[in-house]
Amino acid sequence: MTGRPKKHSLTLRGHRTSVSLEDEFWDAFREIAAQDDRAINDLAAEIDESRGDDCGLASAIRLFVLRRLRSG
């Protein structure tokens, strides 16, 4: 377990951004995208569009991963 978040680069709607996630969340996020046959940037853009202003992108991705794994 790494514990500390690492920065990962994404492109959302043509704009580069970075998100800090722990390796375990990043790996699970990539696995979910692969299972759904989706590009990770497209999935991140969808999460970004649906999150509220009070939730950062990294938190929104973590919650997405958690919900997906719980629904398993």
PDB file of N, CA and C in Angstrom:
ATOM      1  N   MET A   1       0.839  -1.179   0.000  1.00  0.00           N
ATOM      2  CA  MET A   1       0.000   0.000   0.000  1.00  0.00           C
ATOM      3  C   MET A   1       0.884   1.243   0.000  1.00  0.00           C
ATOM      4  N   THR A   2       0.629   2.163  -0.938  1.00  0.00           N
ATOM      5  CA  THR A   2       1.493   3.331  -1.065  1.00  0.00           C
ATOM      6  C   THR A   2       1.152   4.422  -0.064  1.00  0.00           C
ATOM      7  N   GLY A   3      -0.132   4.606   0.225  1.00  0.00           N
ATOM      8  CA  GLY A   3      -0.536   5.604   1.194  1.00  0.00           C
ATOM      9  C   GLY A   3      -0.614   7.013   0.653  1.00  0.00           C
ATOM     10  N   ARG A   4       0.432   7.479   0.026  1.00  0.00           N
ATOM     11  CA  ARG A   4       0.467   8.859  -0.459  1.00  0.00           C
ATOM     12  C   ARG A   4      -0.057   8.933  -1.889  1.00  0.00           C
ATOM     13  N   PRO A   5      -0.911   9.927  -2.149  1.00  0.00           N
ATOM     14  CA  PRO A   5      -1.393  10.103  -3.526  1.00  0.00           C
ATOM     15  C   PRO A   5      -0.263  10.513  -4.471  1.00  0.00           C
ATOM     16  N   LYS A   6      -0.386  10.067  -5.717  1.00  0.00           N
ATOM     17  CA  LYS A   6       0.552  10.467  -6.769  1.00  0.00           C
ATOM     18  C   LYS A   6      -0.231  11.180  -7.856  1.00  0.00           C
ATOM     19  N   LYS A   7       0.419  12.127  -8.513  1.00  0.00           N
ATOM     20  CA  LYS A   7      -0.235  12.852  -9.605  1.00  0.00           C
ATOM     21  C   LYS A   7      -0.288  11.992 -10.860  1.00  0.00           C
ATOM     22  N   HIS A   8      -1.445  12.018 -11.495  1.00  0.00           N
ATOM     23  CA  HIS A   8      -1.654  11.308 -12.756  1.00  0.00           C
ATOM     24  C   HIS A   8      -2.253  12.299 -13.738  1.00  0.00           C
ATOM     25  N   SER A   9      -1.776  12.279 -14.950  1.00  0.00           N
ATOM     26  CA  SER A   9      -2.245  13.212 -15.979  1.00  0.00           C
ATOM     27  C   SER A   9      -3.471  12.666 -16.695  1.00  0.00           C
ATOM     28  N   LEU A  10      -4.411  13.562 -16.971  1.00  0.00           N
ATOM     29  CA  LEU A  10      -5.618  13.247 -17.723  1.00  0.00           C
ATOM     30  C   LEU A  10      -5.867  14.363 -18.731  1.00  0.00           C
ATOM     31  N   THR A  11      -6.612  14.051 -19.758  1.00  0.00           N
ATOM     32  CA  THR A  11      -7.067  15.067 -20.701  1.00  0.00           C
ATOM     33  C   THR A  11      -8.583  15.039 -20.700  1.00  0.00           C
ATOM     34  N   LEU A  12      -9.177  16.131 -20.240  1.00  0.00           N
ATOM     35  CA  LEU A  12     -10.631  16.239 -20.149  1.00  0.00           C
ATOM     36  C   LEU A  12     -11.120  17.259 -21.157  1.00  0.00           C
ATOM     37  N   ARG A  13     -11.860  16.767 -22.144  1.00  0.00           N
ATOM     38  CA  ARG A  13     -12.412  17.647 -23.186  1.00  0.00           C
ATOM     39  C   ARG A  13     -11.330  18.531 -23.803  1.00  0.00           C
ATOM     40  N   GLY A  14     -10.177  17.925 -24.094  1.00  0.00           N
ATOM     41  CA  GLY A  14      -9.097  18.623 -24.763  1.00  0.00           C
ATOM     42  C   GLY A  14      -8.174  19.425 -23.868  1.00  0.00           C
ATOM     43  N   HIS A  15      -8.417  19.417 -22.561  1.00  0.00           N
ATOM     44  CA  HIS A  15      -7.588  20.181 -21.629  1.00  0.00           C
ATOM     45  C   HIS A  15      -6.849  19.236 -20.694  1.00  0.00           C
ATOM     46  N   ARG A  16      -5.538  19.446 -20.592  1.00  0.00           N
ATOM     47  CA  ARG A  16      -4.715  18.629 -19.702  1.00  0.00           C
ATOM     48  C   ARG A  16      -4.960  19.041 -18.268  1.00  0.00           C
ATOM     49  N   THR A  17      -5.025  18.050 -17.401  1.00  0.00           N
ATOM     50  CA  THR A  17      -5.146  18.288 -15.974  1.00  0.00           C
ATOM     51  C   THR A  17      -4.473  17.134 -15.254  1.00  0.00           C
ATOM     52  N   SER A  18      -4.301  17.273 -13.976  1.00  0.00           N
ATOM     53  CA  SER A  18      -3.748  16.168 -13.200  1.00  0.00           C
ATOM     54  C   SER A  18      -4.631  15.934 -11.989  1.00  0.00           C
ATOM     55  N   VAL A  19      -4.601  14.713 -11.530  1.00  0.00           N
ATOM     56  CA  VAL A  19      -5.381  14.323 -10.366  1.00  0.00           C
ATOM     57  C   VAL A  19      -4.465  13.501  -9.463  1.00  0.00           C
ATOM     58  N   SER A  20      -4.548  13.746  -8.172  1.00  0.00           N
ATOM     59  CA  SER A  20      -3.717  13.018  -7.214  1.00  0.00           C
ATOM     60  C   SER A  20      -4.527  11.886  -6.598  1.00  0.00           C
ATOM     61  N   LEU A  21      -4.106  10.668  -6.893  1.00  0.00           N
ATOM     62  CA  LEU A  21      -4.781   9.481  -6.377  1.00  0.00           C
ATOM     63  C   LEU A  21      -3.749   8.484  -5.865  1.00  0.00           C
ATOM     64  N   GLU A  22      -4.136   7.725  -4.869  1.00  0.00           N
ATOM     65  CA  GLU A  22      -3.326   6.625  -4.399  1.00  0.00           C
ATOM     66  C   GLU A  22      -3.270   5.570  -5.509  1.00  0.00           C
ATOM     67  N   ASP A  23      -2.166   4.825  -5.555  1.00  0.00           N
ATOM     68  CA  ASP A  23      -1.989   3.816  -6.607  1.00  0.00           C
ATOM     69  C   ASP A  23      -3.159   2.843  -6.675  1.00  0.00           C
ATOM     70  N   GLU A  24      -3.675   2.435  -5.519  1.00  0.00           N
ATOM     71  CA  GLU A  24      -4.765   1.462  -5.499  1.00  0.00           C
ATOM     72  C   GLU A  24      -6.020   2.011  -6.169  1.00  0.00           C
ATOM     73  N   PHE A  25      -6.343   3.273  -5.926  1.00  0.00           N
ATOM     74  CA  PHE A  25      -7.504   3.881  -6.573  1.00  0.00           C
ATOM     75  C   PHE A  25      -7.257   4.056  -8.074  1.00  0.00           C
ATOM     76  N   TRP A  26      -6.058   4.471  -8.435  1.00  0.00           N
ATOM     77  CA  TRP A  26      -5.743   4.658  -9.857  1.00  0.00           C
ATOM     78  C   TRP A  26      -5.834   3.325 -10.598  1.00  0.00           C
ATOM     79  N   ASP A  27      -5.273   2.275 -10.003  1.00  0.00           N
ATOM     80  CA  ASP A  27      -5.327   0.953 -10.630  1.00  0.00           C
ATOM     81  C   ASP A  27      -6.769   0.481 -10.788  1.00  0.00           C
ATOM     82  N   ALA A  28      -7.579   0.647  -9.760  1.00  0.00           N
ATOM     83  CA  ALA A  28      -8.983   0.230  -9.828  1.00  0.00           C
ATOM     84  C   ALA A  28      -9.737   1.055 -10.864  1.00  0.00           C
ATOM     85  N   PHE A  29      -9.445   2.335 -10.948  1.00  0.00           N
ATOM     86  CA  PHE A  29     -10.086   3.209 -11.930  1.00  0.00           C
ATOM     87  C   PHE A  29      -9.757   2.756 -13.345  1.00  0.00           C
ATOM     88  N   ARG A  30      -8.504   2.431 -13.587  1.00  0.00           N
ATOM     89  CA  ARG A  30      -8.085   1.937 -14.909  1.00  0.00           C
ATOM     90  C   ARG A  30      -8.746   0.603 -15.234  1.00  0.00           C
ATOM     91  N   GLU A  31      -8.847  -0.269 -14.244  1.00  0.00           N
ATOM     92  CA  GLU A  31      -9.494  -1.570 -14.451  1.00  0.00           C
ATOM     93  C   GLU A  31     -10.972  -1.401 -14.808  1.00  0.00           C
ATOM     94  N   ILE A  32     -11.655  -0.494 -14.129  1.00  0.00           N
ATOM     95  CA  ILE A  32     -13.068  -0.235 -14.420  1.00  0.00           C
ATOM     96  C   ILE A  32     -13.226   0.288 -15.839  1.00  0.00           C
ATOM     97  N   ALA A  33     -12.373   1.217 -16.226  1.00  0.00           N
ATOM     98  CA  ALA A  33     -12.437   1.751 -17.593  1.00  0.00           C
ATOM     99  C   ALA A  33     -12.229   0.630 -18.603  1.00  0.00           C
ATOM    100  N   ALA A  34     -11.282  -0.252 -18.350  1.00  0.00           N
ATOM    101  CA  ALA A  34     -11.016  -1.366 -19.261  1.00  0.00           C
ATOM    102  C   ALA A  34     -12.203  -2.328 -19.313  1.00  0.00           C
ATOM    103  N   GLN A  35     -12.791  -2.615 -18.159  1.00  0.00           N
ATOM    104  CA  GLN A  35     -13.959  -3.506 -18.118  1.00  0.00           C
ATOM    105  C   GLN A  35     -15.113  -2.945 -18.934  1.00  0.00           C
ATOM    106  N   ASP A  36     -15.259  -1.629 -18.905  1.00  0.00           N
ATOM    107  CA  ASP A  36     -16.347  -0.965 -19.629  1.00  0.00           C
ATOM    108  C   ASP A  36     -15.960  -0.638 -21.069  1.00  0.00           C
ATOM    109  N   ASP A  37     -14.746  -1.027 -21.458  1.00  0.00           N
ATOM    110  CA  ASP A  37     -14.225  -0.745 -22.801  1.00  0.00           C
ATOM    111  C   ASP A  37     -14.290   0.746 -23.114  1.00  0.00           C
ATOM    112  N   ARG A  38     -13.798   1.548 -22.151  1.00  0.00           N
ATOM    113  CA  ARG A  38     -13.812   3.000 -22.290  1.00  0.00           C
ATOM    114  C   ARG A  38     -12.417   3.547 -22.070  1.00  0.00           C
ATOM    115  N   ALA A  39     -12.135   4.644 -22.713  1.00  0.00           N
ATOM    116  CA  ALA A  39     -10.872   5.340 -22.473  1.00  0.00           C
ATOM    117  C   ALA A  39     -10.946   5.994 -21.094  1.00  0.00           C
ATOM    118  N   ILE A  40      -9.845   5.946 -20.376  1.00  0.00           N
ATOM    119  CA  ILE A  40      -9.833   6.500 -19.025  1.00  0.00           C
ATOM    120  C   ILE A  40     -10.153   7.996 -19.027  1.00  0.00           C
ATOM    121  N   ASN A  41      -9.696   8.715 -20.061  1.00  0.00           N
ATOM    122  CA  ASN A  41      -9.989  10.144 -20.144  1.00  0.00           C
ATOM    123  C   ASN A  41     -11.484  10.400 -20.342  1.00  0.00           C
ATOM    124  N   ASP A  42     -12.150   9.555 -21.117  1.00  0.00           N
ATOM    125  CA  ASP A  42     -13.595   9.715 -21.320  1.00  0.00           C
ATOM    126  C   ASP A  42     -14.364   9.459 -20.031  1.00  0.00           C
ATOM    127  N   LEU A  43     -13.979   8.422 -19.313  1.00  0.00           N
ATOM    128  CA  LEU A  43     -14.634   8.115 -18.049  1.00  0.00           C
ATOM    129  C   LEU A  43     -14.397   9.232 -17.034  1.00  0.00           C
ATOM    130  N   ALA A  44     -13.175   9.743 -16.975  1.00  0.00           N
ATOM    131  CA  ALA A  44     -12.865  10.848 -16.066  1.00  0.00           C
ATOM    132  C   ALA A  44     -13.662  12.097 -16.429  1.00  0.00           C
ATOM    133  N   ALA A  45     -13.829  12.365 -17.732  1.00  0.00           N
ATOM    134  CA  ALA A  45     -14.607  13.528 -18.164  1.00  0.00           C
ATOM    135  C   ALA A  45     -16.064  13.386 -17.752  1.00  0.00           C
ATOM    136  N   GLU A  46     -16.608  12.167 -17.859  1.00  0.00           N
ATOM    137  CA  GLU A  46     -17.994  11.939 -17.434  1.00  0.00           C
ATOM    138  C   GLU A  46     -18.157  12.176 -15.934  1.00  0.00           C
ATOM    139  N   ILE A  47     -17.202  11.678 -15.150  1.00  0.00           N
ATOM    140  CA  ILE A  47     -17.233  11.890 -13.698  1.00  0.00           C
ATOM    141  C   ILE A  47     -17.098  13.372 -13.390  1.00  0.00           C
ATOM    142  N   ASP A  48     -16.211  14.052 -14.098  1.00  0.00           N
ATOM    143  CA  ASP A  48     -15.999  15.484 -13.893  1.00  0.00           C
ATOM    144  C   ASP A  48     -17.276  16.278 -14.155  1.00  0.00           C
ATOM    145  N   GLU A  49     -17.989  15.919 -15.216  1.00  0.00           N
ATOM    146  CA  GLU A  49     -19.214  16.633 -15.568  1.00  0.00           C
ATOM    147  C   GLU A  49     -20.323  16.404 -14.559  1.00  0.00           C
ATOM    148  N   SER A  50     -20.342  15.242 -13.924  1.00  0.00           N
ATOM    149  CA  SER A  50     -21.443  14.912 -13.019  1.00  0.00           C
ATOM    150  C   SER A  50     -21.175  15.294 -11.562  1.00  0.00           C
ATOM    151  N   ARG A  51     -19.942  15.658 -11.248  1.00  0.00           N
ATOM    152  CA  ARG A  51     -19.635  16.000  -9.850  1.00  0.00           C
ATOM    153  C   ARG A  51     -20.127  17.405  -9.529  1.00  0.00           C
ATOM    154  N   GLY A  52     -20.381  17.649  -8.282  1.00  0.00           N
ATOM    155  CA  GLY A  52     -20.803  18.975  -7.858  1.00  0.00           C
ATOM    156  C   GLY A  52     -19.614  19.891  -7.638  1.00  0.00           C
ATOM    157  N   ASP A  53     -19.895  21.158  -7.449  1.00  0.00           N
ATOM    158  CA  ASP A  53     -18.830  22.136  -7.206  1.00  0.00           C
ATOM    159  C   ASP A  53     -18.133  21.927  -5.870  1.00  0.00           C
ATOM    160  N   ASP A  54     -18.787  21.204  -4.958  1.00  0.00           N
ATOM    161  CA  ASP A  54     -18.219  20.995  -3.632  1.00  0.00           C
ATOM    162  C   ASP A  54     -17.362  19.730  -3.543  1.00  0.00           C
ATOM    163  N   CYS A  55     -17.142  19.071  -4.679  1.00  0.00           N
ATOM    164  CA  CYS A  55     -16.364  17.827  -4.698  1.00  0.00           C
ATOM    165  C   CYS A  55     -15.267  17.940  -5.745  1.00  0.00           C
ATOM    166  N   GLY A  56     -14.037  17.722  -5.330  1.00  0.00           N
ATOM    167  CA  GLY A  56     -12.921  17.754  -6.265  1.00  0.00           C
ATOM    168  C   GLY A  56     -12.913  16.521  -7.152  1.00  0.00           C
ATOM    169  N   LEU A  57     -12.189  16.591  -8.249  1.00  0.00           N
ATOM    170  CA  LEU A  57     -12.151  15.488  -9.197  1.00  0.00           C
ATOM    171  C   LEU A  57     -11.568  14.229  -8.561  1.00  0.00           C
ATOM    172  N   ALA A  58     -10.495  14.345  -7.804  1.00  0.00           N
ATOM    173  CA  ALA A  58      -9.892  13.166  -7.175  1.00  0.00           C
ATOM    174  C   ALA A  58     -10.891  12.488  -6.239  1.00  0.00           C
ATOM    175  N   SER A  59     -11.595  13.270  -5.443  1.00  0.00           N
ATOM    176  CA  SER A  59     -12.609  12.706  -4.537  1.00  0.00           C
ATOM    177  C   SER A  59     -13.736  12.063  -5.321  1.00  0.00           C
ATOM    178  N   ALA A  60     -14.153  12.698  -6.405  1.00  0.00           N
ATOM    179  CA  ALA A  60     -15.227  12.149  -7.230  1.00  0.00           C
ATOM    180  C   ALA A  60     -14.811  10.808  -7.842  1.00  0.00           C
ATOM    181  N   ILE A  61     -13.559  10.691  -8.264  1.00  0.00           N
ATOM    182  CA  ILE A  61     -13.068   9.422  -8.814  1.00  0.00           C
ATOM    183  C   ILE A  61     -13.020   8.357  -7.726  1.00  0.00           C
ATOM    184  N   ARG A  62     -12.534   8.719  -6.543  1.00  0.00           N
ATOM    185  CA  ARG A  62     -12.501   7.756  -5.436  1.00  0.00           C
ATOM    186  C   ARG A  62     -13.905   7.249  -5.114  1.00  0.00           C
ATOM    187  N   LEU A  63     -14.869   8.153  -5.050  1.00  0.00           N
ATOM    188  CA  LEU A  63     -16.251   7.758  -4.759  1.00  0.00           C
ATOM    189  C   LEU A  63     -16.818   6.885  -5.870  1.00  0.00           C
ATOM    190  N   PHE A  64     -16.505   7.202  -7.127  1.00  0.00           N
ATOM    191  CA  PHE A  64     -16.940   6.385  -8.250  1.00  0.00           C
ATOM    192  C   PHE A  64     -16.402   4.967  -8.115  1.00  0.00           C
ATOM    193  N   VAL A  65     -15.109   4.845  -7.829  1.00  0.00           N
ATOM    194  CA  VAL A  65     -14.479   3.536  -7.683  1.00  0.00           C
ATOM    195  C   VAL A  65     -15.121   2.774  -6.527  1.00  0.00           C
ATOM    196  N   LEU A  66     -15.310   3.433  -5.400  1.00  0.00           N
ATOM    197  CA  LEU A  66     -15.898   2.792  -4.226  1.00  0.00           C
ATOM    198  C   LEU A  66     -17.313   2.287  -4.522  1.00  0.00           C
ATOM    199  N   ARG A  67     -18.118   3.137  -5.143  1.00  0.00           N
ATOM    200  CA  ARG A  67     -19.492   2.734  -5.480  1.00  0.00           C
ATOM    201  C   ARG A  67     -19.495   1.569  -6.449  1.00  0.00           C
ATOM    202  N   ARG A  68     -18.619   1.610  -7.416  1.00  0.00           N
ATOM    203  CA  ARG A  68     -18.563   0.553  -8.422  1.00  0.00           C
ATOM    204  C   ARG A  68     -18.153  -0.776  -7.779  1.00  0.00           C
ATOM    205  N   LEU A  69     -17.165  -0.741  -6.893  1.00  0.00           N
ATOM    206  CA  LEU A  69     -16.719  -1.958  -6.247  1.00  0.00           C
ATOM    207  C   LEU A  69     -17.777  -2.516  -5.296  1.00  0.00           C
ATOM    208  N   ARG A  70     -18.507  -1.632  -4.646  1.00  0.00           N
ATOM    209  CA  ARG A  70     -19.584  -2.082  -3.749  1.00  0.00           C
ATOM    210  C   ARG A  70     -20.743  -2.704  -4.510  1.00  0.00           C
ATOM    211  N   SER A  71     -20.987  -2.211  -5.714  1.00  0.00           N
ATOM    212  CA  SER A  71     -22.112  -2.725  -6.501  1.00  0.00           C
ATOM    213  C   SER A  71     -21.772  -4.061  -7.160  1.00  0.00           C
ATOM    214  N   GLY A  72     -20.479  -4.381  -7.171  1.00  0.00           N
ATOM    215  CA  GLY A  72     -19.840  -5.485  -7.741  1.00  0.00           C
ATOM    216  C   GLY A  72     -20.457  -6.652  -8.254  1.00  0.00           C
TER     217      GLY A  72
END
